[in-house]
N, C-alpha and C. Protein backbone atom coordinates (compact mmCIF):
# COMPACT_ATOMS: atom_id res chain seq x y z
N MET A 1 17.19 15.71 8.76
CA MET A 1 16.69 15.68 7.11
C MET A 1 17.57 14.22 6.80
N ARG A 2 16.67 14.20 6.38
CA ARG A 2 17.20 12.50 5.64
C ARG A 2 16.88 11.88 4.50
N PRO A 3 17.70 12.61 3.03
CA PRO A 3 16.99 12.28 1.57
C PRO A 3 17.41 11.04 1.37
N LEU A 4 16.18 10.66 0.81
CA LEU A 4 16.22 9.29 0.23
C LEU A 4 15.95 9.90 -1.53
N ARG A 5 17.58 9.20 -1.39
CA ARG A 5 16.98 9.10 -3.74
C ARG A 5 16.27 8.14 -4.58
N ALA A 6 15.87 9.23 -5.64
CA ALA A 6 14.91 7.99 -6.28
C ALA A 6 15.93 7.05 -6.21
N GLY A 7 14.76 5.31 -6.80
CA GLY A 7 15.49 4.52 -7.00
C GLY A 7 17.11 4.09 -6.41
N HIS A 8 16.98 4.44 -4.94
CA HIS A 8 17.42 3.79 -3.98
C HIS A 8 16.94 3.03 -2.94
N TRP A 9 16.10 2.30 -3.24
CA TRP A 9 15.52 1.68 -2.46
C TRP A 9 15.47 0.33 -2.45
N HIS A 10 14.62 -0.69 -1.40
CA HIS A 10 15.35 -2.39 -1.96
C HIS A 10 13.86 -2.11 -2.18
N TRP A 11 13.75 -3.22 -3.54
CA TRP A 11 12.37 -3.64 -3.67
C TRP A 11 12.18 -5.14 -2.93
N VAL A 12 10.44 -5.20 -2.30
CA VAL A 12 10.60 -6.79 -1.84
C VAL A 12 9.20 -7.03 -2.83
N GLU A 13 10.00 -8.39 -3.00
CA GLU A 13 8.11 -9.09 -3.58
C GLU A 13 6.87 -9.84 -2.89
N GLY A 14 5.74 -9.11 -3.09
CA GLY A 14 4.73 -9.80 -2.48
C GLY A 14 3.69 -10.34 -3.12
N LYS A 15 2.73 -11.08 -2.89
CA LYS A 15 1.40 -11.78 -3.43
C LYS A 15 1.31 -9.92 -4.40
N GLY A 16 0.82 -10.47 -5.69
CA GLY A 16 0.41 -9.00 -6.89
C GLY A 16 1.13 -8.46 -6.70
N TYR A 17 2.70 -7.90 -6.10
CA TYR A 17 2.76 -6.56 -5.52
C TYR A 17 4.42 -6.39 -5.13
N ARG A 18 5.10 -5.44 -5.35
CA ARG A 18 6.07 -5.16 -4.92
C ARG A 18 6.34 -3.36 -4.15
N LYS A 19 7.12 -3.79 -3.09
CA LYS A 19 6.80 -2.66 -2.13
C LYS A 19 8.75 -2.25 -1.68
N ALA A 20 8.57 -1.11 -1.77
CA ALA A 20 9.96 -0.82 -0.72
C ALA A 20 9.33 0.15 0.13
N VAL A 21 10.04 0.08 1.38
CA VAL A 21 9.78 0.95 2.29
C VAL A 21 10.95 2.10 1.78
N LEU A 22 10.07 3.39 2.08
CA LEU A 22 10.88 4.30 2.25
C LEU A 22 11.04 5.12 3.60
N LEU A 23 10.46 5.07 4.44
CA LEU A 23 10.33 5.11 6.01
C LEU A 23 9.84 4.29 6.99
N ARG A 24 10.87 3.58 8.21
CA ARG A 24 10.64 3.11 9.08
C ARG A 24 10.47 4.09 10.74
N ALA A 25 9.90 3.32 11.39
CA ALA A 25 9.18 3.90 12.53
C ALA A 25 10.68 4.46 12.78
N GLU A 26 11.49 4.43 13.18
CA GLU A 26 12.28 4.78 13.43
C GLU A 26 12.89 6.13 12.98
N ALA A 27 13.01 6.71 11.87
CA ALA A 27 12.42 7.68 10.96
C ALA A 27 11.78 9.11 11.18
N LEU A 28 10.81 8.09 11.81
CA LEU A 28 9.21 8.68 12.00
C LEU A 28 8.45 9.08 13.48
N ARG A 29 9.93 8.42 14.14
CA ARG A 29 8.82 8.56 15.45
C ARG A 29 7.98 7.74 15.89
N ALA A 30 7.57 6.62 15.73
CA ALA A 30 6.69 6.89 15.89
C ALA A 30 5.99 4.94 15.21
N PRO A 31 5.54 4.27 15.79
CA PRO A 31 5.29 3.00 15.65
C PRO A 31 4.28 3.16 13.88
N ALA A 32 4.75 3.89 13.26
CA ALA A 32 4.44 4.12 11.49
C ALA A 32 5.29 3.93 10.59
N LEU A 33 4.88 3.61 9.28
CA LEU A 33 6.22 2.73 7.81
C LEU A 33 5.35 3.92 6.87
N VAL A 34 6.17 4.38 5.79
CA VAL A 34 5.69 4.87 4.83
C VAL A 34 6.36 4.38 3.58
N GLN A 35 5.80 3.78 2.68
CA GLN A 35 5.78 2.30 1.75
C GLN A 35 5.53 2.40 0.27
N LEU A 36 6.79 2.58 -0.82
CA LEU A 36 6.07 2.83 -2.62
C LEU A 36 5.98 1.55 -2.54
N VAL A 37 4.65 1.16 -3.25
CA VAL A 37 4.00 0.44 -3.39
C VAL A 37 3.40 0.02 -5.06
N GLU A 38 3.65 -1.00 -6.22
CA GLU A 38 3.02 -1.14 -7.48
C GLU A 38 2.80 -2.58 -7.56
N ILE A 39 2.08 -1.79 -8.11
CA ILE A 39 1.60 -3.01 -8.79
C ILE A 39 1.29 -3.54 -10.41
N PRO A 40 2.00 -4.65 -11.44
CA PRO A 40 1.95 -4.69 -12.29
C PRO A 40 0.54 -4.56 -13.20
N PRO A 41 0.42 -4.37 -14.70
CA PRO A 41 -0.76 -4.40 -15.18
C PRO A 41 -1.69 -6.13 -15.21
N HIS A 42 -2.52 -5.47 -14.67
CA HIS A 42 -3.81 -6.90 -14.66
C HIS A 42 -2.40 -7.82 -13.34
N THR A 43 -2.87 -7.03 -12.76
CA THR A 43 -2.31 -8.13 -11.76
C THR A 43 -3.65 -7.45 -10.14
N ALA A 44 -3.41 -8.21 -9.71
CA ALA A 44 -4.22 -8.33 -8.08
C ALA A 44 -3.65 -8.78 -7.17
N VAL A 45 -3.73 -7.90 -6.21
CA VAL A 45 -3.67 -8.80 -4.75
C VAL A 45 -4.75 -8.98 -3.61
N PRO A 46 -4.47 -9.45 -3.42
CA PRO A 46 -5.72 -10.95 -2.47
C PRO A 46 -5.98 -10.51 -1.40
N PRO A 47 -7.26 -10.59 -1.45
CA PRO A 47 -8.41 -9.85 0.11
C PRO A 47 -6.74 -10.51 1.41
N HIS A 48 -7.28 -9.75 2.53
CA HIS A 48 -6.06 -9.52 3.10
C HIS A 48 -6.63 -8.18 4.24
N TYR A 49 -6.47 -7.92 5.62
CA TYR A 49 -6.45 -7.38 6.41
C TYR A 49 -5.03 -7.40 7.79
N HIS A 50 -5.53 -5.75 8.51
CA HIS A 50 -4.52 -5.66 9.38
C HIS A 50 -4.69 -6.06 10.32
N LYS A 51 -4.70 -6.46 11.77
CA LYS A 51 -5.17 -5.52 13.59
C LYS A 51 -5.13 -5.38 13.92
N THR A 52 -4.32 -4.36 13.56
CA THR A 52 -3.39 -2.93 13.95
C THR A 52 -3.37 -1.95 13.37
N SER A 53 -3.02 -2.05 11.51
CA SER A 53 -2.13 -1.38 11.13
C SER A 53 -2.75 -0.40 10.44
N LEU A 54 -3.85 1.18 10.84
CA LEU A 54 -4.32 1.84 9.61
C LEU A 54 -3.70 2.18 8.68
N GLU A 55 -4.47 1.53 7.49
CA GLU A 55 -3.34 2.34 5.86
C GLU A 55 -4.07 3.60 5.01
N VAL A 56 -3.22 4.01 5.08
CA VAL A 56 -3.45 5.60 3.96
C VAL A 56 -3.35 5.14 3.55
N PHE A 57 -3.57 5.52 1.60
CA PHE A 57 -2.66 5.11 0.34
C PHE A 57 -3.25 6.08 -0.22
N HIS A 58 -2.02 6.72 -0.86
CA HIS A 58 -2.36 7.88 -1.67
C HIS A 58 -1.89 7.70 -2.72
N ILE A 59 -3.10 7.85 -4.10
CA ILE A 59 -2.05 7.31 -5.85
C ILE A 59 -1.39 8.42 -5.87
N ILE A 60 -0.34 7.85 -6.99
CA ILE A 60 0.19 8.61 -6.98
C ILE A 60 0.79 8.41 -9.33
N ALA A 61 0.21 7.33 -9.44
CA ALA A 61 0.22 7.24 -11.48
C ALA A 61 -0.49 5.35 -11.19
N GLY A 62 -1.15 6.10 -12.03
CA GLY A 62 -1.50 4.94 -12.81
C GLY A 62 -3.16 4.72 -12.39
N THR A 63 -3.91 3.54 -12.65
CA THR A 63 -5.07 3.83 -11.50
C THR A 63 -5.56 2.09 -11.68
N GLY A 64 -6.37 1.90 -10.67
CA GLY A 64 -7.02 0.88 -9.90
C GLY A 64 -8.08 0.97 -9.60
N SER A 65 -8.18 -0.14 -8.84
CA SER A 65 -9.48 -0.17 -8.30
C SER A 65 -9.16 -1.00 -6.19
N MET A 66 -10.04 -0.82 -5.06
CA MET A 66 -9.19 -1.47 -4.17
C MET A 66 -10.73 -1.15 -3.24
N THR A 67 -10.93 -2.19 -2.51
CA THR A 67 -12.39 -3.08 -2.21
C THR A 67 -11.96 -3.58 -1.00
N ILE A 68 -12.75 -2.52 -0.50
CA ILE A 68 -12.68 -2.66 0.88
C ILE A 68 -14.22 -2.47 2.03
N ASP A 69 -13.99 -3.79 2.41
CA ASP A 69 -14.65 -4.25 2.94
C ASP A 69 -16.89 -4.86 2.43
N GLY A 70 -16.04 -5.38 0.84
CA GLY A 70 -16.94 -5.14 -0.12
C GLY A 70 -17.72 -3.81 -1.25
N ALA A 71 -16.66 -2.69 -0.21
CA ALA A 71 -17.37 -1.79 -1.52
C ALA A 71 -15.90 -1.71 -2.63
N THR A 72 -16.24 -1.50 -3.33
CA THR A 72 -15.25 -1.51 -4.49
C THR A 72 -15.17 0.62 -4.92
N HIS A 73 -13.32 0.30 -4.50
CA HIS A 73 -13.40 2.27 -5.25
C HIS A 73 -12.14 2.41 -6.36
N GLN A 74 -13.11 3.24 -7.33
CA GLN A 74 -11.79 3.56 -8.85
C GLN A 74 -10.79 4.60 -8.12
N LEU A 75 -9.47 3.97 -8.59
CA LEU A 75 -9.24 5.07 -7.52
C LEU A 75 -7.41 5.67 -8.94
N ALA A 76 -7.54 6.77 -8.65
CA ALA A 76 -6.74 7.37 -10.05
C ALA A 76 -5.53 8.44 -9.13
N PRO A 77 -4.15 9.11 -9.54
CA PRO A 77 -3.40 9.66 -9.42
C PRO A 77 -3.68 11.16 -8.45
N GLY A 78 -3.71 11.67 -7.20
CA GLY A 78 -4.07 12.77 -6.88
C GLY A 78 -5.07 11.98 -5.52
N ASP A 79 -6.09 10.37 -5.57
CA ASP A 79 -6.95 10.20 -4.69
C ASP A 79 -6.03 9.59 -3.85
N THR A 80 -7.06 9.63 -2.23
CA THR A 80 -6.61 9.21 -1.41
C THR A 80 -7.66 8.42 -0.71
N LEU A 81 -6.57 7.17 -0.76
CA LEU A 81 -8.37 6.49 0.60
C LEU A 81 -7.56 5.86 2.17
N THR A 82 -8.22 5.60 3.07
CA THR A 82 -7.90 5.27 4.17
C THR A 82 -8.54 3.73 4.67
N CYS A 83 -7.92 2.78 5.03
CA CYS A 83 -8.41 1.53 5.38
C CYS A 83 -8.19 1.16 7.23
N GLU A 84 -9.03 0.25 7.37
CA GLU A 84 -8.82 0.75 9.12
C GLU A 84 -8.82 -1.02 9.54
N PRO A 85 -8.40 -0.55 10.29
CA PRO A 85 -7.96 -2.25 11.13
C PRO A 85 -9.63 -2.58 11.83
N PRO A 86 -9.95 -4.03 11.62
CA PRO A 86 -9.67 -5.30 10.61
C PRO A 86 -10.37 -4.87 9.22
N GLN A 87 -10.54 -3.85 8.71
CA GLN A 87 -11.25 -4.27 7.51
C GLN A 87 -10.52 -5.17 6.40
N VAL A 88 -11.14 -5.64 5.61
CA VAL A 88 -10.62 -6.57 4.91
C VAL A 88 -10.43 -5.97 3.37
N HIS A 89 -9.32 -6.16 2.34
CA HIS A 89 -8.86 -4.62 1.78
C HIS A 89 -7.75 -5.79 0.68
N SER A 90 -8.39 -5.37 -0.94
CA SER A 90 -7.69 -6.28 -1.68
C SER A 90 -7.29 -5.26 -2.86
N ALA A 91 -6.39 -5.05 -3.96
CA ALA A 91 -6.36 -3.43 -4.70
C ALA A 91 -6.27 -4.45 -5.78
N ALA A 92 -7.13 -3.96 -7.62
CA ALA A 92 -6.60 -4.90 -8.97
C ALA A 92 -6.57 -3.17 -9.47
N ASN A 93 -5.23 -3.95 -10.46
CA ASN A 93 -5.08 -3.00 -11.80
C ASN A 93 -5.14 -3.67 -12.42
N ASP A 94 -6.33 -3.29 -13.30
CA ASP A 94 -6.80 -3.48 -14.91
C ASP A 94 -6.29 -3.20 -16.40
N SER A 95 -5.64 -1.81 -15.57
CA SER A 95 -4.15 -1.42 -16.75
C SER A 95 -3.53 -2.24 -17.73
N ASP A 96 -3.35 -1.03 -18.68
CA ASP A 96 -2.05 -1.94 -18.63
C ASP A 96 -1.00 -1.18 -18.49
N GLN A 97 -1.23 -0.33 -17.36
CA GLN A 97 -0.08 0.26 -16.61
C GLN A 97 0.56 0.08 -15.63
N THR A 98 1.70 -0.16 -15.27
CA THR A 98 2.25 0.24 -13.24
C THR A 98 1.12 0.88 -12.60
N TRP A 99 0.33 0.19 -11.21
CA TRP A 99 -0.08 1.62 -10.38
C TRP A 99 0.86 1.75 -9.03
N ARG A 100 1.32 2.68 -9.23
CA ARG A 100 1.48 2.65 -8.19
C ARG A 100 1.56 4.14 -6.90
N TYR A 101 1.57 3.73 -5.67
CA TYR A 101 1.09 4.65 -4.96
C TYR A 101 1.54 4.72 -3.08
N ILE A 102 1.90 5.18 -2.76
CA ILE A 102 2.61 5.38 -1.40
C ILE A 102 0.98 5.35 -0.71
N VAL A 103 1.83 4.34 0.34
CA VAL A 103 1.90 3.35 1.67
C VAL A 103 1.26 4.18 3.04
N PHE A 104 0.79 5.39 3.81
CA PHE A 104 1.40 5.29 5.46
C PHE A 104 0.48 4.30 6.18
N LYS A 105 1.37 4.04 7.21
CA LYS A 105 1.00 2.96 7.70
C LYS A 105 1.05 3.55 9.53
N THR A 106 -0.19 3.80 10.18
CA THR A 106 0.16 3.61 11.34
C THR A 106 -0.18 2.67 12.13
N ASN A 107 0.46 3.12 13.09
CA ASN A 107 -0.22 1.52 14.86
C ASN A 107 0.89 0.03 13.97
N VAL A 108 2.15 0.29 13.08
CA VAL A 108 2.59 -1.24 12.94
C VAL A 108 3.19 -1.85 13.91
N THR A 109 2.67 -2.79 13.65
CA THR A 109 3.54 -4.44 14.29
C THR A 109 4.01 -5.10 13.37
N GLU A 110 4.75 -5.89 14.10
CA GLU A 110 5.19 -6.97 13.15
C GLU A 110 4.16 -8.18 12.80
N GLU A 111 3.99 -8.60 11.76
CA GLU A 111 3.32 -9.84 11.32
C GLU A 111 1.89 -8.99 11.18
N ASP A 112 1.70 -8.73 11.03
CA ASP A 112 -0.09 -7.64 10.95
C ASP A 112 -0.56 -8.22 9.69
N THR A 113 -0.06 -8.84 9.15
CA THR A 113 -1.16 -9.28 7.57
C THR A 113 -1.80 -10.52 7.41
N TYR A 114 -2.87 -10.57 7.44
CA TYR A 114 -3.82 -11.86 7.67
C TYR A 114 -4.44 -12.22 6.08
N TRP A 115 -3.83 -13.15 5.67
CA TRP A 115 -4.10 -12.77 4.08
C TRP A 115 -5.72 -14.08 4.34
N SER A 116 -6.94 -13.30 3.71
CA SER A 116 -8.50 -14.49 3.89
C SER A 116 -8.40 -15.50 2.85
């Protein structure tokens, strides 16, 4: 058991978002990763893709939209969406509230984010 207390993670700024790694491959015993992602109000993450990583997004707070290969999906707390490699995807928060979701990534490799 490895408890991770709320607020005890390290935030990393990205393009239109910030993320905190909650669990790495060593803890998961697999080439996988679990991240907490936040997108501030009226901010977007530009289109990008991954050659190997499959991502599962689970919304925990706020609302926003994800566009995957041209199809836009409106998401709210409790919704889950998958994105397979090499699908191009982006995210947008058009609300006045921070959008927060958990990302479960499998088949994680180094430098696997390619910005469109």
